[in-house]
Amino acid sequence: MALLTKAMAIDHAKDKIRVNALCPGPTDTPLLREALSSKELEAFAATFPMGRLGQPEELAYAALFLASHEFSFVTGALLAVDGGQTAEI
């Protein structure tokens, strides 16, 4: 995904089309809640630097930011919305 995002950003920059990628971490959704018990979910969330799962609204705000005029000079970016998960790698 990273290389595709960057390649498309370069290919379309002259057309004033920005291409960025939202890279979400584990998010508190009904699907995840069905897959794990409350205790498992709590233990899983505790493994992340922020100690919790992301909320769907946080991903929506990140997407809104990527689409905003304030972000208009950025293309080819990968925005990690993962509570610091990738920072640990």
C-alpha atoms as a PDB file:
ATOM      1  CA  MET A   1       0.000   0.000   0.000  1.00  0.00           C
ATOM      2  CA  ALA A   2       2.799   2.434   0.837  1.00  0.00           C
ATOM      3  CA  LEU A   3       4.499   2.220  -2.536  1.00  0.00           C
ATOM      4  CA  LEU A   4       1.187   2.342  -4.420  1.00  0.00           C
ATOM      5  CA  THR A   5       0.185   5.472  -2.485  1.00  0.00           C
ATOM      6  CA  LYS A   6       3.490   7.168  -3.257  1.00  0.00           C
ATOM      7  CA  ALA A   7       3.468   6.149  -6.937  1.00  0.00           C
ATOM      8  CA  MET A   8      -0.092   7.385  -7.424  1.00  0.00           C
ATOM      9  CA  ALA A   9       0.731  10.623  -5.589  1.00  0.00           C
ATOM     10  CA  ILE A  10       3.595  11.301  -7.991  1.00  0.00           C
ATOM     11  CA  ASP A  11       1.556  10.309 -11.055  1.00  0.00           C
ATOM     12  CA  HIS A  12      -1.382  12.578 -10.194  1.00  0.00           C
ATOM     13  CA  ALA A  13       0.248  15.559  -8.467  1.00  0.00           C
ATOM     14  CA  LYS A  14       0.316  17.658 -11.648  1.00  0.00           C
ATOM     15  CA  ASP A  15      -3.443  17.092 -11.960  1.00  0.00           C
ATOM     16  CA  LYS A  16      -3.891  18.521  -8.446  1.00  0.00           C
ATOM     17  CA  ILE A  17      -5.038  15.136  -7.173  1.00  0.00           C
ATOM     18  CA  ARG A  18      -3.659  14.233  -3.783  1.00  0.00           C
ATOM     19  CA  VAL A  19      -3.195  10.603  -2.818  1.00  0.00           C
ATOM     20  CA  ASN A  20      -2.668   9.764   0.844  1.00  0.00           C
ATOM     21  CA  ALA A  21      -3.308   6.632   2.890  1.00  0.00           C
ATOM     22  CA  LEU A  22      -5.026   6.216   6.213  1.00  0.00           C
ATOM     23  CA  CYS A  23      -3.395   3.361   8.144  1.00  0.00           C
ATOM     24  CA  PRO A  24      -5.680   2.447  11.035  1.00  0.00           C
ATOM     25  CA  GLY A  25      -4.735   0.318  13.988  1.00  0.00           C
ATOM     26  CA  PRO A  26      -7.122  -1.936  15.897  1.00  0.00           C
ATOM     27  CA  THR A  27     -10.413  -0.139  16.281  1.00  0.00           C
ATOM     28  CA  ASP A  28     -13.228  -0.717  18.739  1.00  0.00           C
ATOM     29  CA  THR A  29     -15.970  -1.997  16.450  1.00  0.00           C
ATOM     30  CA  PRO A  30     -18.820  -4.485  16.851  1.00  0.00           C
ATOM     31  CA  LEU A  31     -16.863  -7.007  14.751  1.00  0.00           C
ATOM     32  CA  LEU A  32     -13.886  -6.877  17.132  1.00  0.00           C
ATOM     33  CA  ARG A  33     -16.195  -7.074  20.146  1.00  0.00           C
ATOM     34  CA  GLU A  34     -17.761 -10.229  18.667  1.00  0.00           C
ATOM     35  CA  ALA A  35     -14.339 -11.817  18.134  1.00  0.00           C
ATOM     36  CA  LEU A  36     -12.971 -11.213  21.646  1.00  0.00           C
ATOM     37  CA  SER A  37     -14.373 -11.451  25.132  1.00  0.00           C
ATOM     38  CA  SER A  38     -14.364  -8.318  27.289  1.00  0.00           C
ATOM     39  CA  LYS A  39     -11.334  -9.601  29.176  1.00  0.00           C
ATOM     40  CA  GLU A  40      -9.455 -10.446  25.943  1.00  0.00           C
ATOM     41  CA  LEU A  41     -10.355  -7.063  24.484  1.00  0.00           C
ATOM     42  CA  GLU A  42      -9.037  -5.272  27.565  1.00  0.00           C
ATOM     43  CA  ALA A  43      -5.789  -7.270  27.503  1.00  0.00           C
ATOM     44  CA  PHE A  44      -5.374  -6.637  23.758  1.00  0.00           C
ATOM     45  CA  ALA A  45      -5.922  -2.888  24.168  1.00  0.00           C
ATOM     46  CA  ALA A  46      -3.372  -2.758  26.995  1.00  0.00           C
ATOM     47  CA  THR A  47      -0.613  -3.911  24.597  1.00  0.00           C
ATOM     48  CA  PHE A  48      -0.652  -0.605  22.726  1.00  0.00           C
ATOM     49  CA  PRO A  49       1.321   2.472  23.841  1.00  0.00           C
ATOM     50  CA  MET A  50      -1.865   4.453  24.452  1.00  0.00           C
ATOM     51  CA  GLY A  51      -3.389   1.498  26.284  1.00  0.00           C
ATOM     52  CA  ARG A  52      -6.641   1.502  24.347  1.00  0.00           C
ATOM     53  CA  LEU A  53      -8.222   0.763  20.993  1.00  0.00           C
ATOM     54  CA  GLY A  54      -9.034   3.434  18.467  1.00  0.00           C
ATOM     55  CA  GLN A  55     -12.561   4.715  18.128  1.00  0.00           C
ATOM     56  CA  PRO A  56     -14.295   4.832  14.729  1.00  0.00           C
ATOM     57  CA  GLU A  57     -14.743   8.609  15.115  1.00  0.00           C
ATOM     58  CA  GLU A  58     -10.973   9.039  15.410  1.00  0.00           C
ATOM     59  CA  LEU A  59     -10.503   7.375  12.026  1.00  0.00           C
ATOM     60  CA  ALA A  60     -13.230   9.562  10.548  1.00  0.00           C
ATOM     61  CA  TYR A  61     -11.517  12.713  11.864  1.00  0.00           C
ATOM     62  CA  ALA A  62      -8.207  11.557  10.378  1.00  0.00           C
ATOM     63  CA  ALA A  63      -9.888  11.005   6.993  1.00  0.00           C
ATOM     64  CA  LEU A  64     -11.480  14.435   7.230  1.00  0.00           C
ATOM     65  CA  PHE A  65      -8.069  15.938   7.980  1.00  0.00           C
ATOM     66  CA  LEU A  66      -6.530  14.198   4.947  1.00  0.00           C
ATOM     67  CA  ALA A  67      -9.316  15.587   2.753  1.00  0.00           C
ATOM     68  CA  SER A  68      -9.169  19.111   4.167  1.00  0.00           C
ATOM     69  CA  HIS A  69      -7.714  22.206   2.549  1.00  0.00           C
ATOM     70  CA  GLU A  70      -5.320  22.518   5.509  1.00  0.00           C
ATOM     71  CA  PHE A  71      -3.642  19.347   4.259  1.00  0.00           C
ATOM     72  CA  SER A  72      -3.574  20.487   0.617  1.00  0.00           C
ATOM     73  CA  PHE A  73       0.220  20.533   0.223  1.00  0.00           C
ATOM     74  CA  VAL A  74       0.596  16.913   1.353  1.00  0.00           C
ATOM     75  CA  THR A  75       0.487  13.980  -1.012  1.00  0.00           C
ATOM     76  CA  GLY A  76       2.019  10.523  -0.793  1.00  0.00           C
ATOM     77  CA  ALA A  77       1.659  10.463   2.994  1.00  0.00           C
ATOM     78  CA  LEU A  78       0.831   7.477   5.149  1.00  0.00           C
ATOM     79  CA  LEU A  79      -1.086   8.597   8.235  1.00  0.00           C
ATOM     80  CA  ALA A  80      -0.900   6.020  11.019  1.00  0.00           C
ATOM     81  CA  VAL A  81      -3.911   6.262  13.323  1.00  0.00           C
ATOM     82  CA  ASP A  82      -2.897   3.400  15.562  1.00  0.00           C
ATOM     83  CA  GLY A  83      -2.300   4.665  19.094  1.00  0.00           C
ATOM     84  CA  GLY A  84       1.473   4.443  18.647  1.00  0.00           C
ATOM     85  CA  GLN A  85       1.512   0.814  17.488  1.00  0.00           C
ATOM     86  CA  THR A  86       3.847   1.447  14.531  1.00  0.00           C
ATOM     87  CA  ALA A  87       6.069   3.713  16.632  1.00  0.00           C
ATOM     88  CA  GLU A  88       7.053   0.647  18.662  1.00  0.00           C
ATOM     89  CA  ILE A  89       8.357  -1.231  15.645  1.00  0.00           C
END
